[in-house]
Amino acid sequence: MEVVRQPVGSPEEFRARQLRARDMLRGDLEGDELEQYVQERVITTTLEHAFDWARGNSMFPLTFGLACCAIEMMSIVGARLDIARFGFEAFRASPRQADLLILSGRVSIKMAPVVRRIYDQMLEPKYAIAMGACSSSMGVFNNYAIVPADKFMPVDVHVPGCPPRPEALMHGIITLRSMVQDDPSLGWRRRYGGVGTEEVVPAAGAPETPGA
């Protein structure tokens, strides 16, 4: 379901629409005029699409920061990016009131069980964004104490960078929003023409392809 904003037009046209709405409420519209009025203003969809649309526009992120990426995460609620446009501005202080976990920073081996417990206490359906190189791929340095987030919990979107700018996190949030709303244009292979570039690991005992 997509909402398209269109210009209202001239004041005369706007007044004509008001009069048609008044006639409809009074029951004066009949026949083709009533049919046209209904077709222009009624949206039909399925209950699942309505649920997905509501979930994609009303997520409650958890007030949770791990390291330096949390400073970048805090700025997305400011006036420059204004995450409230997408209904994500209500950061909750309790995991039982949140359904989005933004792992903003490094996750150490000692911290991983704590993060997993917080994730388990969140509402269903719940989502997770790995923000930054540390929580996505153990960071830019070879550090034995860092563990990537997808090793101990499911991650929906990875946002690269060290640290990523707030615009990058906003892009990850919009990507997650499209995933929740089941946007068919989300797949990057279809979007960039990358179909056929998949690396397939042959099964055990399967004959090798000639020339491989």
N, C-alpha and C. Protein backbone atom coordinates (compact mmCIF):
# COMPACT_ATOMS: atom_id res chain seq x y z
N MET A 1 0.85 -1.18 0.00
CA MET A 1 0.00 0.00 0.00
C MET A 1 0.89 1.24 0.00
N GLU A 2 0.64 2.16 -0.92
CA GLU A 2 1.46 3.35 -1.08
C GLU A 2 0.57 4.58 -1.09
N VAL A 3 0.96 5.58 -0.34
CA VAL A 3 0.24 6.84 -0.28
C VAL A 3 0.94 7.84 -1.18
N VAL A 4 0.23 8.36 -2.16
CA VAL A 4 0.77 9.30 -3.12
C VAL A 4 0.18 10.67 -2.85
N ARG A 5 1.05 11.65 -2.65
CA ARG A 5 0.60 13.02 -2.39
C ARG A 5 0.55 13.77 -3.72
N GLN A 6 -0.56 14.44 -3.97
CA GLN A 6 -0.76 15.21 -5.17
C GLN A 6 -1.18 16.62 -4.82
N PRO A 7 -0.84 17.60 -5.67
CA PRO A 7 -1.26 18.97 -5.38
C PRO A 7 -2.78 19.10 -5.44
N VAL A 8 -3.30 19.95 -4.58
CA VAL A 8 -4.75 20.13 -4.49
C VAL A 8 -5.30 20.80 -5.73
N GLY A 9 -4.58 21.74 -6.28
CA GLY A 9 -5.07 22.46 -7.45
C GLY A 9 -5.55 23.85 -7.08
N SER A 10 -6.40 24.37 -7.91
CA SER A 10 -6.90 25.74 -7.71
C SER A 10 -7.90 25.77 -6.55
N PRO A 11 -8.14 26.95 -5.98
CA PRO A 11 -9.15 27.04 -4.91
C PRO A 11 -10.54 26.63 -5.38
N GLU A 12 -10.86 26.89 -6.65
CA GLU A 12 -12.17 26.49 -7.15
C GLU A 12 -12.32 24.97 -7.17
N GLU A 13 -11.24 24.29 -7.59
CA GLU A 13 -11.29 22.83 -7.61
C GLU A 13 -11.40 22.27 -6.19
N PHE A 14 -10.68 22.87 -5.26
CA PHE A 14 -10.76 22.42 -3.88
C PHE A 14 -12.17 22.63 -3.32
N ARG A 15 -12.79 23.75 -3.67
CA ARG A 15 -14.15 24.01 -3.21
C ARG A 15 -15.13 23.01 -3.83
N ALA A 16 -14.89 22.64 -5.08
CA ALA A 16 -15.77 21.66 -5.73
C ALA A 16 -15.67 20.30 -5.05
N ARG A 17 -14.48 19.93 -4.61
CA ARG A 17 -14.33 18.66 -3.90
C ARG A 17 -15.06 18.70 -2.57
N GLN A 18 -14.98 19.84 -1.90
CA GLN A 18 -15.71 19.96 -0.63
C GLN A 18 -17.21 19.81 -0.83
N LEU A 19 -17.73 20.40 -1.90
CA LEU A 19 -19.16 20.30 -2.16
C LEU A 19 -19.58 18.88 -2.51
N ARG A 20 -18.71 18.15 -3.24
CA ARG A 20 -19.02 16.76 -3.56
C ARG A 20 -19.01 15.91 -2.30
N ALA A 21 -18.07 16.18 -1.39
CA ALA A 21 -18.05 15.44 -0.12
C ALA A 21 -19.31 15.72 0.70
N ARG A 22 -19.75 16.96 0.67
CA ARG A 22 -20.98 17.30 1.39
C ARG A 22 -22.19 16.57 0.78
N ASP A 23 -22.24 16.53 -0.56
CA ASP A 23 -23.34 15.84 -1.22
C ASP A 23 -23.33 14.34 -0.92
N MET A 24 -22.10 13.77 -0.83
CA MET A 24 -22.02 12.35 -0.53
C MET A 24 -22.54 12.05 0.87
N LEU A 25 -22.19 12.90 1.84
CA LEU A 25 -22.65 12.70 3.21
C LEU A 25 -24.17 12.87 3.31
N ARG A 26 -24.73 13.73 2.50
CA ARG A 26 -26.17 13.93 2.52
C ARG A 26 -26.93 12.84 1.75
N GLY A 27 -26.19 12.05 0.96
CA GLY A 27 -26.85 11.03 0.17
C GLY A 27 -27.38 11.53 -1.16
N ASP A 28 -26.86 12.69 -1.64
CA ASP A 28 -27.33 13.24 -2.90
C ASP A 28 -26.62 12.67 -4.11
N LEU A 29 -25.45 12.03 -3.91
CA LEU A 29 -24.73 11.44 -5.05
C LEU A 29 -25.35 10.09 -5.39
N GLU A 30 -25.59 9.88 -6.66
CA GLU A 30 -26.18 8.63 -7.10
C GLU A 30 -25.57 8.24 -8.45
N GLY A 31 -25.69 6.96 -8.75
CA GLY A 31 -25.29 6.47 -10.06
C GLY A 31 -23.80 6.59 -10.32
N ASP A 32 -23.45 7.12 -11.49
CA ASP A 32 -22.05 7.21 -11.91
C ASP A 32 -21.25 8.17 -11.03
N GLU A 33 -21.89 9.23 -10.55
CA GLU A 33 -21.17 10.17 -9.70
C GLU A 33 -20.75 9.51 -8.39
N LEU A 34 -21.62 8.73 -7.79
CA LEU A 34 -21.28 8.03 -6.56
C LEU A 34 -20.21 6.97 -6.81
N GLU A 35 -20.31 6.27 -7.93
CA GLU A 35 -19.30 5.25 -8.27
C GLU A 35 -17.94 5.88 -8.46
N GLN A 36 -17.87 6.99 -9.14
CA GLN A 36 -16.59 7.67 -9.35
C GLN A 36 -16.03 8.21 -8.04
N TYR A 37 -16.88 8.73 -7.18
CA TYR A 37 -16.44 9.27 -5.90
C TYR A 37 -15.83 8.17 -5.04
N VAL A 38 -16.44 6.99 -5.03
CA VAL A 38 -15.94 5.88 -4.23
C VAL A 38 -14.62 5.36 -4.79
N GLN A 39 -14.52 5.24 -6.11
CA GLN A 39 -13.30 4.74 -6.72
C GLN A 39 -12.11 5.65 -6.47
N GLU A 40 -12.34 6.95 -6.36
CA GLU A 40 -11.25 7.90 -6.12
C GLU A 40 -10.79 7.94 -4.68
N ARG A 41 -11.57 7.40 -3.74
CA ARG A 41 -11.26 7.60 -2.33
C ARG A 41 -11.18 6.33 -1.50
N VAL A 42 -11.51 5.20 -2.04
CA VAL A 42 -11.49 3.96 -1.27
C VAL A 42 -10.27 3.14 -1.68
N ILE A 43 -9.52 2.68 -0.69
CA ILE A 43 -8.35 1.84 -0.92
C ILE A 43 -8.67 0.44 -0.42
N THR A 44 -8.47 -0.55 -1.25
CA THR A 44 -8.69 -1.94 -0.87
C THR A 44 -7.34 -2.64 -0.74
N THR A 45 -7.20 -3.42 0.28
CA THR A 45 -5.96 -4.16 0.51
C THR A 45 -6.29 -5.37 1.37
N THR A 46 -5.27 -6.14 1.69
CA THR A 46 -5.46 -7.30 2.55
C THR A 46 -5.08 -6.94 3.98
N LEU A 47 -5.53 -7.75 4.91
CA LEU A 47 -5.23 -7.50 6.32
C LEU A 47 -3.73 -7.62 6.59
N GLU A 48 -3.06 -8.56 5.89
CA GLU A 48 -1.62 -8.73 6.09
C GLU A 48 -0.86 -7.49 5.62
N HIS A 49 -1.25 -6.93 4.47
CA HIS A 49 -0.58 -5.72 3.98
C HIS A 49 -0.83 -4.54 4.92
N ALA A 50 -2.00 -4.47 5.48
CA ALA A 50 -2.28 -3.39 6.44
C ALA A 50 -1.43 -3.53 7.69
N PHE A 51 -1.27 -4.76 8.18
CA PHE A 51 -0.41 -5.00 9.34
C PHE A 51 1.03 -4.63 9.03
N ASP A 52 1.53 -5.07 7.86
CA ASP A 52 2.91 -4.77 7.48
C ASP A 52 3.13 -3.27 7.33
N TRP A 53 2.14 -2.58 6.77
CA TRP A 53 2.26 -1.12 6.62
C TRP A 53 2.32 -0.44 7.98
N ALA A 54 1.49 -0.90 8.92
CA ALA A 54 1.50 -0.30 10.26
C ALA A 54 2.80 -0.61 11.00
N ARG A 55 3.29 -1.85 10.88
CA ARG A 55 4.54 -2.20 11.55
C ARG A 55 5.72 -1.43 10.97
N GLY A 56 5.73 -1.24 9.66
CA GLY A 56 6.84 -0.54 9.04
C GLY A 56 6.87 0.94 9.32
N ASN A 57 5.80 1.50 9.86
CA ASN A 57 5.74 2.93 10.13
C ASN A 57 5.57 3.25 11.61
N SER A 58 5.76 2.27 12.49
CA SER A 58 5.57 2.54 13.93
C SER A 58 6.48 1.66 14.77
N MET A 59 7.76 1.57 14.39
CA MET A 59 8.69 0.77 15.19
C MET A 59 9.17 1.57 16.40
N PHE A 60 9.42 0.86 17.49
CA PHE A 60 9.92 1.46 18.72
C PHE A 60 11.34 0.95 18.96
N PRO A 61 12.37 1.73 18.62
CA PRO A 61 13.74 1.29 18.89
C PRO A 61 14.03 1.28 20.39
N LEU A 62 14.96 0.43 20.77
CA LEU A 62 15.37 0.34 22.17
C LEU A 62 16.43 1.39 22.46
N THR A 63 16.33 2.05 23.59
CA THR A 63 17.35 3.01 24.02
C THR A 63 18.56 2.22 24.49
N PHE A 64 19.44 1.93 23.55
CA PHE A 64 20.52 1.00 23.83
C PHE A 64 21.70 1.37 22.96
N GLY A 65 22.83 1.72 23.58
CA GLY A 65 24.05 2.04 22.85
C GLY A 65 25.23 1.28 23.42
N LEU A 66 26.13 0.87 22.54
CA LEU A 66 27.26 0.06 22.97
C LEU A 66 28.57 0.83 22.98
N ALA A 67 28.81 1.65 21.96
CA ALA A 67 30.10 2.34 21.88
C ALA A 67 29.94 3.61 21.06
N CYS A 68 30.96 3.95 20.28
CA CYS A 68 31.00 5.22 19.57
C CYS A 68 29.89 5.35 18.54
N CYS A 69 29.39 4.25 17.97
CA CYS A 69 28.30 4.34 17.00
C CYS A 69 27.02 4.87 17.63
N ALA A 70 26.91 4.76 18.94
CA ALA A 70 25.70 5.25 19.61
C ALA A 70 25.57 6.76 19.48
N ILE A 71 26.69 7.48 19.38
CA ILE A 71 26.62 8.94 19.20
C ILE A 71 26.00 9.26 17.85
N GLU A 72 26.36 8.49 16.82
CA GLU A 72 25.75 8.70 15.51
C GLU A 72 24.28 8.31 15.54
N MET A 73 23.93 7.29 16.29
CA MET A 73 22.54 6.87 16.37
C MET A 73 21.68 7.94 17.04
N MET A 74 22.23 8.61 18.03
CA MET A 74 21.46 9.64 18.74
C MET A 74 21.07 10.79 17.82
N SER A 75 21.87 11.08 16.83
CA SER A 75 21.63 12.26 16.00
C SER A 75 20.51 12.05 14.99
N ILE A 76 20.03 10.82 14.83
CA ILE A 76 18.98 10.61 13.82
C ILE A 76 17.63 11.15 14.30
N VAL A 77 17.50 11.45 15.57
CA VAL A 77 16.25 12.03 16.07
C VAL A 77 16.27 13.55 16.01
N GLY A 78 17.40 14.12 15.54
CA GLY A 78 17.49 15.57 15.46
C GLY A 78 16.72 16.12 14.27
N ALA A 79 16.79 17.44 14.14
CA ALA A 79 16.00 18.11 13.10
C ALA A 79 16.55 17.84 11.70
N ARG A 80 17.84 17.52 11.56
CA ARG A 80 18.41 17.37 10.22
C ARG A 80 17.91 16.11 9.54
N LEU A 81 17.84 15.01 10.27
CA LEU A 81 17.37 13.75 9.69
C LEU A 81 15.91 13.47 10.07
N ASP A 82 15.55 13.74 11.32
CA ASP A 82 14.16 13.66 11.77
C ASP A 82 13.55 12.30 11.46
N ILE A 83 13.97 11.32 12.24
CA ILE A 83 13.47 9.96 12.03
C ILE A 83 11.99 9.84 12.36
N ALA A 84 11.42 10.87 12.97
CA ALA A 84 9.99 10.86 13.27
C ALA A 84 9.15 10.83 12.00
N ARG A 85 9.72 11.16 10.86
CA ARG A 85 8.97 11.09 9.60
C ARG A 85 8.50 9.68 9.30
N PHE A 86 9.23 8.68 9.81
CA PHE A 86 8.90 7.29 9.56
C PHE A 86 8.33 6.59 10.78
N GLY A 87 8.06 7.32 11.84
CA GLY A 87 7.47 6.73 13.03
C GLY A 87 8.44 5.96 13.89
N PHE A 88 9.74 6.31 13.87
CA PHE A 88 10.76 5.57 14.61
C PHE A 88 11.32 6.36 15.79
N GLU A 89 10.68 7.50 16.13
CA GLU A 89 11.31 8.40 17.08
C GLU A 89 11.09 8.00 18.52
N ALA A 90 10.18 7.07 18.80
CA ALA A 90 9.83 6.74 20.19
C ALA A 90 10.79 5.68 20.72
N PHE A 91 11.96 6.11 21.17
CA PHE A 91 12.92 5.19 21.77
C PHE A 91 12.40 4.77 23.14
N ARG A 92 12.37 3.48 23.37
CA ARG A 92 11.83 2.94 24.61
C ARG A 92 12.97 2.54 25.55
N ALA A 93 12.74 2.72 26.84
CA ALA A 93 13.75 2.40 27.84
C ALA A 93 13.67 0.97 28.33
N SER A 94 12.68 0.22 27.89
CA SER A 94 12.52 -1.17 28.31
C SER A 94 12.43 -2.07 27.09
N PRO A 95 13.11 -3.20 27.09
CA PRO A 95 13.00 -4.10 25.94
C PRO A 95 11.59 -4.67 25.76
N ARG A 96 10.79 -4.67 26.79
CA ARG A 96 9.42 -5.19 26.68
C ARG A 96 8.48 -4.21 25.99
N GLN A 97 8.97 -3.01 25.71
CA GLN A 97 8.19 -2.03 24.97
C GLN A 97 8.81 -1.69 23.62
N ALA A 98 9.86 -2.40 23.23
CA ALA A 98 10.58 -2.11 21.99
C ALA A 98 10.51 -3.32 21.06
N ASP A 99 10.60 -3.03 19.75
CA ASP A 99 10.63 -4.10 18.76
C ASP A 99 11.77 -3.93 17.76
N LEU A 100 12.69 -2.99 18.00
CA LEU A 100 13.86 -2.79 17.13
C LEU A 100 15.08 -2.59 18.00
N LEU A 101 16.10 -3.39 17.76
CA LEU A 101 17.37 -3.29 18.49
C LEU A 101 18.45 -2.85 17.51
N ILE A 102 19.01 -1.66 17.76
CA ILE A 102 20.11 -1.14 16.94
C ILE A 102 21.40 -1.38 17.71
N LEU A 103 22.21 -2.32 17.24
CA LEU A 103 23.48 -2.63 17.89
C LEU A 103 24.50 -1.59 17.45
N SER A 104 24.56 -0.49 18.16
CA SER A 104 25.38 0.65 17.76
C SER A 104 26.72 0.59 18.47
N GLY A 105 27.63 -0.21 17.92
CA GLY A 105 28.97 -0.28 18.50
C GLY A 105 29.48 -1.70 18.59
N ARG A 106 30.61 -1.84 19.25
CA ARG A 106 31.26 -3.14 19.35
C ARG A 106 30.54 -4.02 20.38
N VAL A 107 30.54 -5.31 20.10
CA VAL A 107 29.97 -6.31 21.01
C VAL A 107 31.11 -7.21 21.45
N SER A 108 31.46 -7.13 22.71
CA SER A 108 32.53 -7.98 23.23
C SER A 108 31.97 -9.36 23.58
N ILE A 109 32.86 -10.29 23.81
CA ILE A 109 32.45 -11.65 24.16
C ILE A 109 31.67 -11.66 25.47
N LYS A 110 32.05 -10.81 26.42
CA LYS A 110 31.33 -10.74 27.68
C LYS A 110 29.96 -10.07 27.52
N MET A 111 29.85 -9.16 26.57
CA MET A 111 28.60 -8.43 26.39
C MET A 111 27.60 -9.20 25.55
N ALA A 112 28.04 -10.17 24.76
CA ALA A 112 27.14 -10.89 23.86
C ALA A 112 25.99 -11.57 24.59
N PRO A 113 26.20 -12.28 25.70
CA PRO A 113 25.04 -12.88 26.41
C PRO A 113 24.04 -11.84 26.91
N VAL A 114 24.53 -10.67 27.31
CA VAL A 114 23.64 -9.62 27.79
C VAL A 114 22.79 -9.09 26.64
N VAL A 115 23.42 -8.88 25.49
CA VAL A 115 22.67 -8.40 24.32
C VAL A 115 21.63 -9.43 23.90
N ARG A 116 22.01 -10.70 23.94
CA ARG A 116 21.05 -11.73 23.56
C ARG A 116 19.88 -11.79 24.53
N ARG A 117 20.13 -11.60 25.81
CA ARG A 117 19.02 -11.61 26.78
C ARG A 117 18.09 -10.44 26.53
N ILE A 118 18.64 -9.27 26.23
CA ILE A 118 17.80 -8.12 25.93
C ILE A 118 16.97 -8.38 24.68
N TYR A 119 17.58 -8.99 23.66
CA TYR A 119 16.85 -9.29 22.42
C TYR A 119 15.72 -10.28 22.68
N ASP A 120 15.96 -11.26 23.53
CA ASP A 120 14.92 -12.25 23.83
C ASP A 120 13.74 -11.64 24.58
N GLN A 121 13.96 -10.55 25.30
CA GLN A 121 12.89 -9.91 26.07
C GLN A 121 12.07 -8.94 25.24
N MET A 122 12.44 -8.71 24.00
CA MET A 122 11.72 -7.74 23.17
C MET A 122 10.44 -8.33 22.61
N LEU A 123 9.58 -7.44 22.12
CA LEU A 123 8.29 -7.84 21.59
C LEU A 123 8.44 -8.55 20.25
N GLU A 124 7.47 -9.36 19.94
CA GLU A 124 7.39 -10.01 18.63
C GLU A 124 6.32 -9.32 17.79
N PRO A 125 6.58 -9.14 16.50
CA PRO A 125 7.81 -9.40 15.76
C PRO A 125 8.88 -8.36 16.06
N LYS A 126 10.12 -8.77 16.10
CA LYS A 126 11.21 -7.87 16.46
C LYS A 126 12.29 -7.93 15.40
N TYR A 127 13.07 -6.87 15.33
CA TYR A 127 14.07 -6.73 14.28
C TYR A 127 15.36 -6.19 14.88
N ALA A 128 16.45 -6.39 14.17
CA ALA A 128 17.76 -5.97 14.66
C ALA A 128 18.57 -5.38 13.51
N ILE A 129 19.28 -4.30 13.80
CA ILE A 129 20.18 -3.64 12.85
C ILE A 129 21.57 -3.65 13.47
N ALA A 130 22.55 -4.22 12.76
CA ALA A 130 23.94 -4.19 13.19
C ALA A 130 24.59 -2.94 12.61
N MET A 131 24.82 -1.96 13.46
CA MET A 131 25.34 -0.67 13.02
C MET A 131 26.84 -0.61 13.25
N GLY A 132 27.58 -0.40 12.19
CA GLY A 132 29.02 -0.27 12.30
C GLY A 132 29.76 -1.55 11.99
N ALA A 133 31.07 -1.40 11.77
CA ALA A 133 31.88 -2.54 11.39
C ALA A 133 32.06 -3.53 12.53
N CYS A 134 32.06 -3.06 13.77
CA CYS A 134 32.31 -3.96 14.90
C CYS A 134 31.19 -4.98 15.06
N SER A 135 29.95 -4.51 15.10
CA SER A 135 28.84 -5.44 15.28
C SER A 135 28.51 -6.19 14.00
N SER A 136 29.00 -5.73 12.85
CA SER A 136 28.73 -6.41 11.59
C SER A 136 29.78 -7.45 11.25
N SER A 137 31.07 -7.10 11.44
CA SER A 137 32.14 -8.01 10.98
C SER A 137 33.37 -7.95 11.88
N MET A 138 33.20 -7.79 13.17
CA MET A 138 34.28 -7.80 14.16
C MET A 138 35.18 -6.58 14.08
N GLY A 139 34.80 -5.56 13.35
CA GLY A 139 35.55 -4.32 13.35
C GLY A 139 36.68 -4.28 12.35
N VAL A 140 37.33 -3.11 12.28
CA VAL A 140 38.41 -2.90 11.31
C VAL A 140 39.75 -3.38 11.84
N PHE A 141 39.84 -3.76 13.11
CA PHE A 141 41.07 -4.26 13.69
C PHE A 141 40.91 -5.73 14.07
N ASN A 142 41.98 -6.45 14.09
CA ASN A 142 41.97 -7.86 14.45
C ASN A 142 41.97 -7.98 15.98
N ASN A 143 40.78 -7.92 16.54
CA ASN A 143 40.61 -7.92 17.99
C ASN A 143 39.94 -9.22 18.40
N TYR A 144 40.55 -9.97 19.28
CA TYR A 144 40.02 -11.26 19.70
C TYR A 144 38.79 -11.12 20.59
N ALA A 145 38.55 -9.93 21.17
CA ALA A 145 37.47 -9.77 22.14
C ALA A 145 36.14 -9.38 21.49
N ILE A 146 36.14 -9.08 20.18
CA ILE A 146 34.93 -8.63 19.51
C ILE A 146 34.29 -9.81 18.79
N VAL A 147 32.95 -9.86 18.86
CA VAL A 147 32.20 -10.92 18.20
C VAL A 147 31.13 -10.27 17.34
N PRO A 148 30.96 -10.69 16.07
CA PRO A 148 29.89 -10.11 15.24
C PRO A 148 28.52 -10.50 15.75
N ALA A 149 27.55 -9.63 15.54
CA ALA A 149 26.23 -9.83 16.12
C ALA A 149 25.52 -11.04 15.54
N ASP A 150 25.73 -11.32 14.25
CA ASP A 150 25.00 -12.44 13.64
C ASP A 150 25.55 -13.79 14.04
N LYS A 151 26.52 -13.83 14.95
CA LYS A 151 27.00 -15.10 15.49
C LYS A 151 26.16 -15.58 16.67
N PHE A 152 25.43 -14.68 17.30
CA PHE A 152 24.65 -15.08 18.48
C PHE A 152 23.20 -14.60 18.44
N MET A 153 22.79 -13.88 17.38
CA MET A 153 21.41 -13.43 17.26
C MET A 153 21.12 -13.12 15.79
N PRO A 154 19.86 -13.19 15.40
CA PRO A 154 19.53 -12.86 14.00
C PRO A 154 19.62 -11.35 13.76
N VAL A 155 20.20 -10.98 12.63
CA VAL A 155 20.35 -9.58 12.24
C VAL A 155 19.66 -9.40 10.89
N ASP A 156 18.82 -8.39 10.80
CA ASP A 156 18.07 -8.14 9.57
C ASP A 156 18.83 -7.25 8.59
N VAL A 157 19.50 -6.21 9.08
CA VAL A 157 20.19 -5.26 8.22
C VAL A 157 21.55 -4.96 8.82
N HIS A 158 22.60 -4.94 7.97
CA HIS A 158 23.94 -4.55 8.38
C HIS A 158 24.25 -3.16 7.79
N VAL A 159 24.74 -2.27 8.63
CA VAL A 159 25.12 -0.92 8.20
C VAL A 159 26.63 -0.80 8.34
N PRO A 160 27.40 -0.80 7.26
CA PRO A 160 28.86 -0.75 7.36
C PRO A 160 29.35 0.65 7.71
N GLY A 161 30.61 0.71 8.11
CA GLY A 161 31.23 1.99 8.44
C GLY A 161 31.86 1.97 9.81
N CYS A 162 32.81 2.89 10.03
CA CYS A 162 33.50 2.95 11.32
C CYS A 162 33.81 4.41 11.67
N PRO A 163 32.90 5.09 12.32
CA PRO A 163 31.49 4.72 12.47
C PRO A 163 30.70 5.16 11.26
N PRO A 164 29.56 4.54 10.98
CA PRO A 164 28.74 5.01 9.87
C PRO A 164 28.08 6.34 10.20
N ARG A 165 27.92 7.15 9.18
CA ARG A 165 27.25 8.43 9.38
C ARG A 165 25.76 8.21 9.68
N PRO A 166 25.11 9.19 10.28
CA PRO A 166 23.66 9.04 10.53
C PRO A 166 22.86 8.78 9.27
N GLU A 167 23.32 9.31 8.12
CA GLU A 167 22.62 9.05 6.87
C GLU A 167 22.68 7.58 6.52
N ALA A 168 23.79 6.90 6.84
CA ALA A 168 23.89 5.47 6.56
C ALA A 168 22.92 4.67 7.43
N LEU A 169 22.80 5.06 8.69
CA LEU A 169 21.83 4.38 9.56
C LEU A 169 20.41 4.64 9.09
N MET A 170 20.14 5.85 8.63
CA MET A 170 18.81 6.15 8.08
C MET A 170 18.51 5.27 6.87
N HIS A 171 19.53 5.08 6.02
CA HIS A 171 19.35 4.19 4.87
C HIS A 171 19.06 2.77 5.32
N GLY A 172 19.74 2.30 6.37
CA GLY A 172 19.46 0.97 6.89
C GLY A 172 18.06 0.86 7.47
N ILE A 173 17.59 1.92 8.11
CA ILE A 173 16.24 1.91 8.67
C ILE A 173 15.20 1.88 7.55
N ILE A 174 15.44 2.66 6.49
CA ILE A 174 14.51 2.64 5.36
C ILE A 174 14.52 1.28 4.68
N THR A 175 15.70 0.65 4.61
CA THR A 175 15.78 -0.71 4.05
C THR A 175 15.00 -1.70 4.89
N LEU A 176 15.14 -1.62 6.21
CA LEU A 176 14.37 -2.49 7.10
C LEU A 176 12.88 -2.22 6.96
N ARG A 177 12.52 -0.97 6.83
CA ARG A 177 11.11 -0.61 6.64
C ARG A 177 10.55 -1.24 5.36
N SER A 178 11.34 -1.25 4.30
CA SER A 178 10.90 -1.89 3.06
C SER A 178 10.79 -3.40 3.22
N MET A 179 11.69 -3.99 4.00
CA MET A 179 11.61 -5.43 4.25
C MET A 179 10.35 -5.78 5.02
N VAL A 180 10.02 -4.98 6.02
CA VAL A 180 8.83 -5.25 6.82
C VAL A 180 7.57 -5.10 5.99
N GLN A 181 7.56 -4.10 5.10
CA GLN A 181 6.39 -3.87 4.26
C GLN A 181 6.38 -4.76 3.02
N ASP A 182 7.34 -5.68 2.90
CA ASP A 182 7.38 -6.64 1.80
C ASP A 182 7.41 -5.92 0.46
N ASP A 183 8.41 -5.04 0.30
CA ASP A 183 8.57 -4.31 -0.95
C ASP A 183 9.21 -5.23 -1.97
N PRO A 184 8.57 -5.51 -3.10
CA PRO A 184 9.17 -6.44 -4.06
C PRO A 184 10.40 -5.90 -4.75
N SER A 185 10.61 -4.58 -4.71
CA SER A 185 11.77 -3.99 -5.37
C SER A 185 12.99 -3.93 -4.47
N LEU A 186 12.97 -4.63 -3.34
CA LEU A 186 14.06 -4.53 -2.39
C LEU A 186 15.29 -5.31 -2.81
N GLY A 187 15.11 -6.46 -3.48
CA GLY A 187 16.24 -7.32 -3.79
C GLY A 187 17.28 -6.63 -4.65
N TRP A 188 18.52 -6.62 -4.20
CA TRP A 188 19.55 -5.90 -4.93
C TRP A 188 19.94 -6.62 -6.22
N ARG A 189 19.76 -7.94 -6.28
CA ARG A 189 20.08 -8.64 -7.53
C ARG A 189 19.16 -8.19 -8.65
N ARG A 190 17.89 -8.05 -8.35
CA ARG A 190 16.97 -7.58 -9.38
C ARG A 190 17.18 -6.11 -9.67
N ARG A 191 17.50 -5.33 -8.63
CA ARG A 191 17.65 -3.89 -8.81
C ARG A 191 18.88 -3.55 -9.63
N TYR A 192 19.98 -4.29 -9.40
CA TYR A 192 21.23 -3.98 -10.10
C TYR A 192 21.57 -4.99 -11.20
N GLY A 193 20.66 -5.87 -11.52
CA GLY A 193 20.92 -6.83 -12.57
C GLY A 193 21.98 -7.85 -12.20
N GLY A 194 21.98 -8.30 -10.95
CA GLY A 194 23.00 -9.24 -10.51
C GLY A 194 22.54 -10.68 -10.48
N VAL A 195 21.46 -11.00 -11.21
CA VAL A 195 20.97 -12.36 -11.24
C VAL A 195 21.96 -13.22 -12.01
N GLY A 196 22.31 -14.38 -11.45
CA GLY A 196 23.27 -15.26 -12.08
C GLY A 196 24.67 -15.15 -11.50
N THR A 197 24.86 -14.25 -10.52
CA THR A 197 26.17 -14.07 -9.91
C THR A 197 26.32 -14.83 -8.60
N GLU A 198 25.33 -15.67 -8.28
CA GLU A 198 25.38 -16.39 -7.02
C GLU A 198 26.48 -17.44 -7.04
N GLU A 199 27.15 -17.59 -5.90
CA GLU A 199 28.16 -18.63 -5.74
C GLU A 199 27.50 -19.84 -5.09
N VAL A 200 27.45 -20.94 -5.81
CA VAL A 200 26.79 -22.14 -5.33
C VAL A 200 27.86 -23.14 -4.89
N VAL A 201 27.74 -23.59 -3.65
CA VAL A 201 28.66 -24.60 -3.12
C VAL A 201 28.11 -25.98 -3.49
N PRO A 202 28.85 -26.80 -4.23
CA PRO A 202 28.35 -28.11 -4.62
C PRO A 202 28.16 -29.01 -3.42
N ALA A 203 27.11 -29.80 -3.46
CA ALA A 203 26.84 -30.72 -2.37
C ALA A 203 27.89 -31.82 -2.31
N ALA A 204 28.01 -32.42 -1.14
CA ALA A 204 29.00 -33.48 -0.97
C ALA A 204 28.64 -34.68 -1.84
N GLY A 205 29.62 -35.16 -2.61
CA GLY A 205 29.38 -36.30 -3.47
C GLY A 205 28.83 -35.96 -4.83
N ALA A 206 28.50 -34.67 -5.08
CA ALA A 206 27.97 -34.29 -6.38
C ALA A 206 29.10 -34.19 -7.38
N PRO A 207 28.87 -34.58 -8.64
CA PRO A 207 29.93 -34.50 -9.64
C PRO A 207 30.28 -33.06 -9.94
N GLU A 208 31.56 -32.79 -10.14
CA GLU A 208 32.02 -31.43 -10.43
C GLU A 208 31.68 -31.06 -11.87
N THR A 209 31.44 -29.76 -12.06
CA THR A 209 31.12 -29.26 -13.39
C THR A 209 32.37 -29.28 -14.25
N PRO A 210 32.30 -29.80 -15.48
CA PRO A 210 33.51 -29.82 -16.34
C PRO A 210 34.00 -28.41 -16.60
N GLY A 211 35.32 -28.26 -16.51
CA GLY A 211 35.94 -26.96 -16.73
C GLY A 211 35.96 -26.06 -15.52
N ALA A 212 35.39 -26.54 -14.38
CA ALA A 212 35.38 -25.69 -13.19
C ALA A 212 36.73 -25.70 -12.52
